[in-house]
Amino acid sequence: MTVPVLVYLVGHHAKQSIAESMAIVGLISMVAAIPYAKARQIDWRSVWYFGIPGMAGTFVGAWLGGMASDGLQLVVFGGVLVAAAIMLTRKPQANADFDESAARPRQCTGKIAAEGGVVGITTGFVGVGGGFLIVPALVVLGKLPMRLAIGTSLVIIAFKAAVGFAKYQQYLMARDMSVDGQTILIFVLVGMVGSLLGKTLNASMNQRVLKKIFVVVLIL
């Protein structure tokens, strides 16, 4: 949701907003991953299987995004948000969250890598973190418990965002443009505070209601 806020409320150029979004999402994800790392809730095997193709895909997506018109990127971005909303309305898999102490089934590493590449291209093209795509993939294909999938996804998002940001920076510099460091800093700080507040509110809210609210916000 960072890109439309930067474009329509802050008034930044679409490609500038995508680059700034990657910096914001990447930094917040990096900080958010620290507690999971301390609790050993990151599956580094999945980080490499998903993250390396994801970073390669992000580079390709950012390259394609540099050639695409702003209008096309924003239309695709809108489609991604609607797709995310539709995914959230689907019923979760029965085995989406299981005993973390139990032996995990064998991972579909080939499919994990393939989806990592596809999600990476989407990330690079429109500037989304892709957590709503990464977590289900890690649960279904990687056979990870939900909490482990979330921690792992944060590391993957940080890696992909770094690659995408670097590629868009190259594009912007070639056209005498740049990201706004102050905007990035403000969004990161507010995002970190907001994540802590959101975690507190989440514990006291009905999860079904919360999901419905989020779906409506995505569509709007």
C-alpha atoms as a PDB file:
ATOM      1  CA  MET A   1       0.000   0.000   0.000  1.00  0.00           C
ATOM      2  CA  THR A   2       3.061   2.286   0.138  1.00  0.00           C
ATOM      3  CA  VAL A   3       3.171   2.985  -3.603  1.00  0.00           C
ATOM      4  CA  PRO A   4      -0.350   4.464  -3.966  1.00  0.00           C
ATOM      5  CA  VAL A   5       0.194   6.566  -0.827  1.00  0.00           C
ATOM      6  CA  LEU A   6       3.435   7.976  -2.261  1.00  0.00           C
ATOM      7  CA  VAL A   7       1.890   8.570  -5.698  1.00  0.00           C
ATOM      8  CA  TYR A   8      -1.541   9.951  -4.806  1.00  0.00           C
ATOM      9  CA  LEU A   9      -1.014  11.534  -1.385  1.00  0.00           C
ATOM     10  CA  VAL A  10       2.657  12.563  -1.359  1.00  0.00           C
ATOM     11  CA  GLY A  11       2.663  13.335  -5.101  1.00  0.00           C
ATOM     12  CA  HIS A  12       5.835  11.535  -6.151  1.00  0.00           C
ATOM     13  CA  HIS A  13       6.595  10.122  -9.609  1.00  0.00           C
ATOM     14  CA  ALA A  14       5.474   6.485 -10.026  1.00  0.00           C
ATOM     15  CA  LYS A  15       8.959   5.021 -10.504  1.00  0.00           C
ATOM     16  CA  GLN A  16      10.348   7.188  -7.721  1.00  0.00           C
ATOM     17  CA  SER A  17       7.540   5.910  -5.478  1.00  0.00           C
ATOM     18  CA  ILE A  18       8.287   2.285  -6.367  1.00  0.00           C
ATOM     19  CA  ALA A  19      11.968   2.756  -5.467  1.00  0.00           C
ATOM     20  CA  GLU A  20      11.058   4.495  -2.212  1.00  0.00           C
ATOM     21  CA  SER A  21       8.536   1.769  -1.435  1.00  0.00           C
ATOM     22  CA  MET A  22      11.220  -0.890  -1.796  1.00  0.00           C
ATOM     23  CA  ALA A  23      13.513   0.980   0.580  1.00  0.00           C
ATOM     24  CA  ILE A  24      10.697   1.443   3.110  1.00  0.00           C
ATOM     25  CA  VAL A  25       9.395  -2.131   2.942  1.00  0.00           C
ATOM     26  CA  GLY A  26      12.924  -3.573   2.937  1.00  0.00           C
ATOM     27  CA  LEU A  27      14.058  -1.644   6.012  1.00  0.00           C
ATOM     28  CA  ILE A  28      10.878  -2.359   7.980  1.00  0.00           C
ATOM     29  CA  SER A  29      11.084  -6.062   7.069  1.00  0.00           C
ATOM     30  CA  MET A  30      14.718  -6.177   8.160  1.00  0.00           C
ATOM     31  CA  VAL A  31      13.887  -4.741  11.577  1.00  0.00           C
ATOM     32  CA  ALA A  32      10.768  -6.904  11.931  1.00  0.00           C
ATOM     33  CA  ALA A  33      12.826 -10.035  11.182  1.00  0.00           C
ATOM     34  CA  ILE A  34      15.161  -9.489  14.161  1.00  0.00           C
ATOM     35  CA  PRO A  35      12.819 -10.948  16.836  1.00  0.00           C
ATOM     36  CA  TYR A  36      12.143 -13.953  14.594  1.00  0.00           C
ATOM     37  CA  ALA A  37      15.878 -14.481  14.109  1.00  0.00           C
ATOM     38  CA  LYS A  38      16.480 -14.331  17.864  1.00  0.00           C
ATOM     39  CA  ALA A  39      13.714 -16.899  18.363  1.00  0.00           C
ATOM     40  CA  ARG A  40      15.180 -19.051  15.563  1.00  0.00           C
ATOM     41  CA  GLN A  41      11.965 -18.673  13.578  1.00  0.00           C
ATOM     42  CA  ILE A  42      13.701 -18.295  10.189  1.00  0.00           C
ATOM     43  CA  ASP A  43      14.221 -21.228   7.854  1.00  0.00           C
ATOM     44  CA  TRP A  44      17.440 -20.278   6.052  1.00  0.00           C
ATOM     45  CA  ARG A  45      17.129 -23.168   3.617  1.00  0.00           C
ATOM     46  CA  SER A  46      13.874 -21.669   2.321  1.00  0.00           C
ATOM     47  CA  VAL A  47      15.463 -18.207   2.287  1.00  0.00           C
ATOM     48  CA  TRP A  48      18.005 -19.421  -0.251  1.00  0.00           C
ATOM     49  CA  TYR A  49      15.615 -21.558  -2.318  1.00  0.00           C
ATOM     50  CA  PHE A  50      13.012 -18.785  -2.500  1.00  0.00           C
ATOM     51  CA  GLY A  51      15.176 -15.716  -2.014  1.00  0.00           C
ATOM     52  CA  ILE A  52      17.844 -16.218  -4.686  1.00  0.00           C
ATOM     53  CA  PRO A  53      15.328 -16.778  -7.538  1.00  0.00           C
ATOM     54  CA  GLY A  54      13.279 -13.983  -5.953  1.00  0.00           C
ATOM     55  CA  MET A  55      16.199 -11.551  -6.131  1.00  0.00           C
ATOM     56  CA  ALA A  56      16.887 -12.533  -9.739  1.00  0.00           C
ATOM     57  CA  GLY A  57      13.193 -12.086 -10.546  1.00  0.00           C
ATOM     58  CA  THR A  58      13.146  -8.708  -8.806  1.00  0.00           C
ATOM     59  CA  PHE A  59      16.056  -7.529 -10.939  1.00  0.00           C
ATOM     60  CA  VAL A  60      14.219  -8.605 -14.095  1.00  0.00           C
ATOM     61  CA  GLY A  61      10.965  -7.050 -12.884  1.00  0.00           C
ATOM     62  CA  ALA A  62      12.712  -3.752 -12.068  1.00  0.00           C
ATOM     63  CA  TRP A  63      14.340  -3.766 -15.510  1.00  0.00           C
ATOM     64  CA  LEU A  64      10.958  -4.310 -17.163  1.00  0.00           C
ATOM     65  CA  GLY A  65       9.424  -1.661 -14.908  1.00  0.00           C
ATOM     66  CA  GLY A  66      12.025   0.850 -16.051  1.00  0.00           C
ATOM     67  CA  MET A  67      10.870   0.366 -19.655  1.00  0.00           C
ATOM     68  CA  ALA A  68       7.130   0.283 -18.895  1.00  0.00           C
ATOM     69  CA  SER A  69       4.888   3.327 -18.730  1.00  0.00           C
ATOM     70  CA  ASP A  70       3.822   4.629 -15.337  1.00  0.00           C
ATOM     71  CA  GLY A  71       0.182   3.965 -16.234  1.00  0.00           C
ATOM     72  CA  LEU A  72       0.845   0.295 -17.000  1.00  0.00           C
ATOM     73  CA  GLN A  73       2.721  -0.197 -13.748  1.00  0.00           C
ATOM     74  CA  LEU A  74      -0.085   1.364 -11.701  1.00  0.00           C
ATOM     75  CA  VAL A  75      -2.729  -0.723 -13.500  1.00  0.00           C
ATOM     76  CA  VAL A  76      -0.766  -3.909 -12.785  1.00  0.00           C
ATOM     77  CA  PHE A  77      -0.289  -2.740  -9.204  1.00  0.00           C
ATOM     78  CA  GLY A  78      -4.056  -2.341  -8.843  1.00  0.00           C
ATOM     79  CA  GLY A  79      -4.552  -5.842 -10.198  1.00  0.00           C
ATOM     80  CA  VAL A  80      -2.072  -7.229  -7.659  1.00  0.00           C
ATOM     81  CA  LEU A  81      -3.962  -5.568  -4.780  1.00  0.00           C
ATOM     82  CA  VAL A  82      -7.293  -6.953  -5.978  1.00  0.00           C
ATOM     83  CA  ALA A  83      -5.705 -10.412  -6.358  1.00  0.00           C
ATOM     84  CA  ALA A  84      -4.401 -10.134  -2.795  1.00  0.00           C
ATOM     85  CA  ALA A  85      -7.881  -9.215  -1.558  1.00  0.00           C
ATOM     86  CA  ILE A  86      -9.375 -12.235  -3.348  1.00  0.00           C
ATOM     87  CA  MET A  87      -6.731 -14.535  -1.853  1.00  0.00           C
ATOM     88  CA  LEU A  88      -7.545 -13.270   1.632  1.00  0.00           C
ATOM     89  CA  THR A  89     -11.216 -14.165   1.187  1.00  0.00           C
ATOM     90  CA  ARG A  90     -10.359 -17.810   0.498  1.00  0.00           C
ATOM     91  CA  LYS A  91     -10.506 -20.321   3.319  1.00  0.00           C
ATOM     92  CA  PRO A  92      -7.058 -21.311   4.652  1.00  0.00           C
ATOM     93  CA  GLN A  93      -5.691 -24.799   4.102  1.00  0.00           C
ATOM     94  CA  ALA A  94      -6.455 -27.229   6.900  1.00  0.00           C
ATOM     95  CA  ASN A  95      -2.729 -27.837   7.453  1.00  0.00           C
ATOM     96  CA  ALA A  96      -1.740 -24.160   7.298  1.00  0.00           C
ATOM     97  CA  ASP A  97      -0.589 -24.202  10.907  1.00  0.00           C
ATOM     98  CA  PHE A  98       0.644 -27.378  12.492  1.00  0.00           C
ATOM     99  CA  ASP A  99       2.826 -28.575  15.322  1.00  0.00           C
ATOM    100  CA  GLU A 100       6.241 -26.975  14.895  1.00  0.00           C
ATOM    101  CA  SER A 101       7.919 -29.764  16.851  1.00  0.00           C
ATOM    102  CA  ALA A 102       6.715 -32.381  14.395  1.00  0.00           C
ATOM    103  CA  ALA A 103       8.845 -33.513  11.478  1.00  0.00           C
ATOM    104  CA  ARG A 104       8.059 -31.422   8.407  1.00  0.00           C
ATOM    105  CA  PRO A 105       7.119 -33.071   5.116  1.00  0.00           C
ATOM    106  CA  ARG A 106       9.535 -32.859   2.224  1.00  0.00           C
ATOM    107  CA  GLN A 107       9.717 -29.434   0.595  1.00  0.00           C
ATOM    108  CA  CYS A 108       8.885 -28.903  -3.093  1.00  0.00           C
ATOM    109  CA  THR A 109      12.135 -27.026  -3.698  1.00  0.00           C
ATOM    110  CA  GLY A 110      11.662 -26.717  -7.451  1.00  0.00           C
ATOM    111  CA  LYS A 111       8.238 -25.154  -7.046  1.00  0.00           C
ATOM    112  CA  ILE A 112       9.536 -22.910  -4.255  1.00  0.00           C
ATOM    113  CA  ALA A 113      12.263 -21.581  -6.556  1.00  0.00           C
ATOM    114  CA  ALA A 114       9.815 -21.108  -9.444  1.00  0.00           C
ATOM    115  CA  GLU A 115       7.340 -19.178  -7.311  1.00  0.00           C
ATOM    116  CA  GLY A 116      10.213 -17.167  -5.855  1.00  0.00           C
ATOM    117  CA  GLY A 117      11.114 -16.023  -9.352  1.00  0.00           C
ATOM    118  CA  VAL A 118       7.521 -15.110 -10.226  1.00  0.00           C
ATOM    119  CA  VAL A 119       6.989 -13.194  -6.972  1.00  0.00           C
ATOM    120  CA  GLY A 120      10.333 -11.469  -7.519  1.00  0.00           C
ATOM    121  CA  ILE A 121       9.286 -10.234 -10.957  1.00  0.00           C
ATOM    122  CA  THR A 122       6.051  -8.889  -9.464  1.00  0.00           C
ATOM    123  CA  THR A 123       8.015  -7.173  -6.692  1.00  0.00           C
ATOM    124  CA  GLY A 124      10.405  -5.533  -9.124  1.00  0.00           C
ATOM    125  CA  PHE A 125       7.716  -4.417 -11.561  1.00  0.00           C
ATOM    126  CA  VAL A 126       5.239  -2.792  -9.165  1.00  0.00           C
ATOM    127  CA  GLY A 127       7.142  -2.398  -5.888  1.00  0.00           C
ATOM    128  CA  VAL A 128       5.214  -4.676  -3.525  1.00  0.00           C
ATOM    129  CA  GLY A 129       6.917  -6.674  -0.794  1.00  0.00           C
ATOM    130  CA  GLY A 130       4.976  -9.767  -1.795  1.00  0.00           C
ATOM    131  CA  GLY A 131       4.467 -11.157   1.702  1.00  0.00           C
ATOM    132  CA  PHE A 132       0.876 -12.098   0.875  1.00  0.00           C
ATOM    133  CA  LEU A 133       2.290 -14.369  -1.859  1.00  0.00           C
ATOM    134  CA  ILE A 134       5.437 -15.558  -0.092  1.00  0.00           C
ATOM    135  CA  VAL A 135       3.841 -16.778   3.151  1.00  0.00           C
ATOM    136  CA  PRO A 136       1.274 -19.088   1.472  1.00  0.00           C
ATOM    137  CA  ALA A 137       4.013 -20.463  -0.800  1.00  0.00           C
ATOM    138  CA  LEU A 138       6.266 -21.260   2.158  1.00  0.00           C
ATOM    139  CA  VAL A 139       3.382 -22.910   4.026  1.00  0.00           C
ATOM    140  CA  VAL A 140       2.053 -24.968   1.103  1.00  0.00           C
ATOM    141  CA  LEU A 141       5.241 -25.684  -0.884  1.00  0.00           C
ATOM    142  CA  GLY A 142       7.877 -25.258   1.819  1.00  0.00           C
ATOM    143  CA  LYS A 143       5.829 -27.148   4.428  1.00  0.00           C
ATOM    144  CA  LEU A 144       6.684 -24.532   7.060  1.00  0.00           C
ATOM    145  CA  PRO A 145       4.590 -23.716  10.136  1.00  0.00           C
ATOM    146  CA  MET A 146       2.912 -20.309   9.846  1.00  0.00           C
ATOM    147  CA  ARG A 147       5.148 -18.521  12.354  1.00  0.00           C
ATOM    148  CA  LEU A 148       8.294 -19.858  10.678  1.00  0.00           C
ATOM    149  CA  ALA A 149       6.923 -18.864   7.266  1.00  0.00           C
ATOM    150  CA  ILE A 150       6.319 -15.299   8.450  1.00  0.00           C
ATOM    151  CA  GLY A 151       9.835 -14.880   9.851  1.00  0.00           C
ATOM    152  CA  THR A 152      11.352 -16.403   6.721  1.00  0.00           C
ATOM    153  CA  SER A 153       9.268 -14.179   4.440  1.00  0.00           C
ATOM    154  CA  LEU A 154      10.550 -11.035   6.172  1.00  0.00           C
ATOM    155  CA  VAL A 155      14.160 -11.926   5.334  1.00  0.00           C
ATOM    156  CA  ILE A 156      13.229 -12.757   1.729  1.00  0.00           C
ATOM    157  CA  ILE A 157      11.370  -9.446   1.357  1.00  0.00           C
ATOM    158  CA  ALA A 158      14.380  -7.508   2.685  1.00  0.00           C
ATOM    159  CA  PHE A 159      16.725  -9.210   0.184  1.00  0.00           C
ATOM    160  CA  LYS A 160      14.397  -8.671  -2.771  1.00  0.00           C
ATOM    161  CA  ALA A 161      13.701  -5.068  -1.840  1.00  0.00           C
ATOM    162  CA  ALA A 162      17.436  -4.309  -1.720  1.00  0.00           C
ATOM    163  CA  VAL A 163      17.938  -5.632  -5.254  1.00  0.00           C
ATOM    164  CA  GLY A 164      14.887  -3.796  -6.611  1.00  0.00           C
ATOM    165  CA  PHE A 165      15.879  -0.535  -4.925  1.00  0.00           C
ATOM    166  CA  ALA A 166      19.390  -0.701  -6.391  1.00  0.00           C
ATOM    167  CA  LYS A 167      18.036  -1.309  -9.907  1.00  0.00           C
ATOM    168  CA  TYR A 168      15.515   1.552  -9.711  1.00  0.00           C
ATOM    169  CA  GLN A 169      18.203   3.835  -8.312  1.00  0.00           C
ATOM    170  CA  GLN A 170      20.216   3.144 -11.462  1.00  0.00           C
ATOM    171  CA  TYR A 171      17.179   4.065 -13.573  1.00  0.00           C
ATOM    172  CA  LEU A 172      16.473   7.264 -11.624  1.00  0.00           C
ATOM    173  CA  MET A 173      20.083   8.467 -11.634  1.00  0.00           C
ATOM    174  CA  ALA A 174      20.264   8.031 -15.411  1.00  0.00           C
ATOM    175  CA  ARG A 175      17.350  10.498 -15.668  1.00  0.00           C
ATOM    176  CA  ASP A 176      18.618  12.978 -13.074  1.00  0.00           C
ATOM    177  CA  MET A 177      16.019  11.830 -10.559  1.00  0.00           C
ATOM    178  CA  SER A 178      16.408  10.517  -7.027  1.00  0.00           C
ATOM    179  CA  VAL A 179      14.442   9.164  -4.114  1.00  0.00           C
ATOM    180  CA  ASP A 180      13.509  11.421  -1.210  1.00  0.00           C
ATOM    181  CA  GLY A 181      15.533  10.246   1.784  1.00  0.00           C
ATOM    182  CA  GLN A 182      13.405  12.240   4.222  1.00  0.00           C
ATOM    183  CA  THR A 183      10.218  10.578   2.957  1.00  0.00           C
ATOM    184  CA  ILE A 184      11.811   7.136   3.316  1.00  0.00           C
ATOM    185  CA  LEU A 185      12.975   7.897   6.871  1.00  0.00           C
ATOM    186  CA  ILE A 186       9.552   9.199   7.950  1.00  0.00           C
ATOM    187  CA  PHE A 187       7.724   6.197   6.478  1.00  0.00           C
ATOM    188  CA  VAL A 188      10.183   3.733   8.053  1.00  0.00           C
ATOM    189  CA  LEU A 189       9.925   5.295  11.515  1.00  0.00           C
ATOM    190  CA  VAL A 190       6.135   5.599  11.377  1.00  0.00           C
ATOM    191  CA  GLY A 191       5.928   2.077   9.939  1.00  0.00           C
ATOM    192  CA  MET A 192       7.979   0.630  12.789  1.00  0.00           C
ATOM    193  CA  VAL A 193       5.837   2.364  15.406  1.00  0.00           C
ATOM    194  CA  GLY A 194       2.705   1.355  13.517  1.00  0.00           C
ATOM    195  CA  SER A 195       3.807  -2.279  13.398  1.00  0.00           C
ATOM    196  CA  LEU A 196       4.206  -2.367  17.175  1.00  0.00           C
ATOM    197  CA  LEU A 197       0.818  -0.707  17.653  1.00  0.00           C
ATOM    198  CA  GLY A 198      -0.739  -3.034  15.085  1.00  0.00           C
ATOM    199  CA  LYS A 199       0.655  -6.078  16.850  1.00  0.00           C
ATOM    200  CA  THR A 200      -0.931  -4.888  20.102  1.00  0.00           C
ATOM    201  CA  LEU A 201      -4.298  -4.192  18.461  1.00  0.00           C
ATOM    202  CA  ASN A 202      -4.182  -7.487  16.604  1.00  0.00           C
ATOM    203  CA  ALA A 203      -4.120  -9.441  19.854  1.00  0.00           C
ATOM    204  CA  SER A 204      -7.422  -7.922  20.968  1.00  0.00           C
ATOM    205  CA  MET A 205      -9.297  -7.903  17.638  1.00  0.00           C
ATOM    206  CA  ASN A 206     -11.484 -10.539  16.052  1.00  0.00           C
ATOM    207  CA  GLN A 207      -9.318 -11.997  13.281  1.00  0.00           C
ATOM    208  CA  ARG A 208     -12.202 -12.497  10.834  1.00  0.00           C
ATOM    209  CA  VAL A 209     -13.271  -8.882  11.215  1.00  0.00           C
ATOM    210  CA  LEU A 210      -9.660  -7.752  10.844  1.00  0.00           C
ATOM    211  CA  LYS A 211      -9.276  -9.724   7.623  1.00  0.00           C
ATOM    212  CA  LYS A 212     -12.497  -8.261   6.183  1.00  0.00           C
ATOM    213  CA  ILE A 213     -11.365  -4.726   7.013  1.00  0.00           C
ATOM    214  CA  PHE A 214      -8.021  -5.341   5.319  1.00  0.00           C
ATOM    215  CA  VAL A 215      -9.714  -6.735   2.192  1.00  0.00           C
ATOM    216  CA  VAL A 216     -11.891  -3.619   1.920  1.00  0.00           C
ATOM    217  CA  VAL A 217      -8.872  -1.346   2.376  1.00  0.00           C
ATOM    218  CA  LEU A 218      -6.946  -3.196  -0.349  1.00  0.00           C
ATOM    219  CA  ILE A 219      -9.808  -2.859  -2.828  1.00  0.00           C
ATOM    220  CA  LEU A 220     -10.308   0.841  -2.025  1.00  0.00           C
END
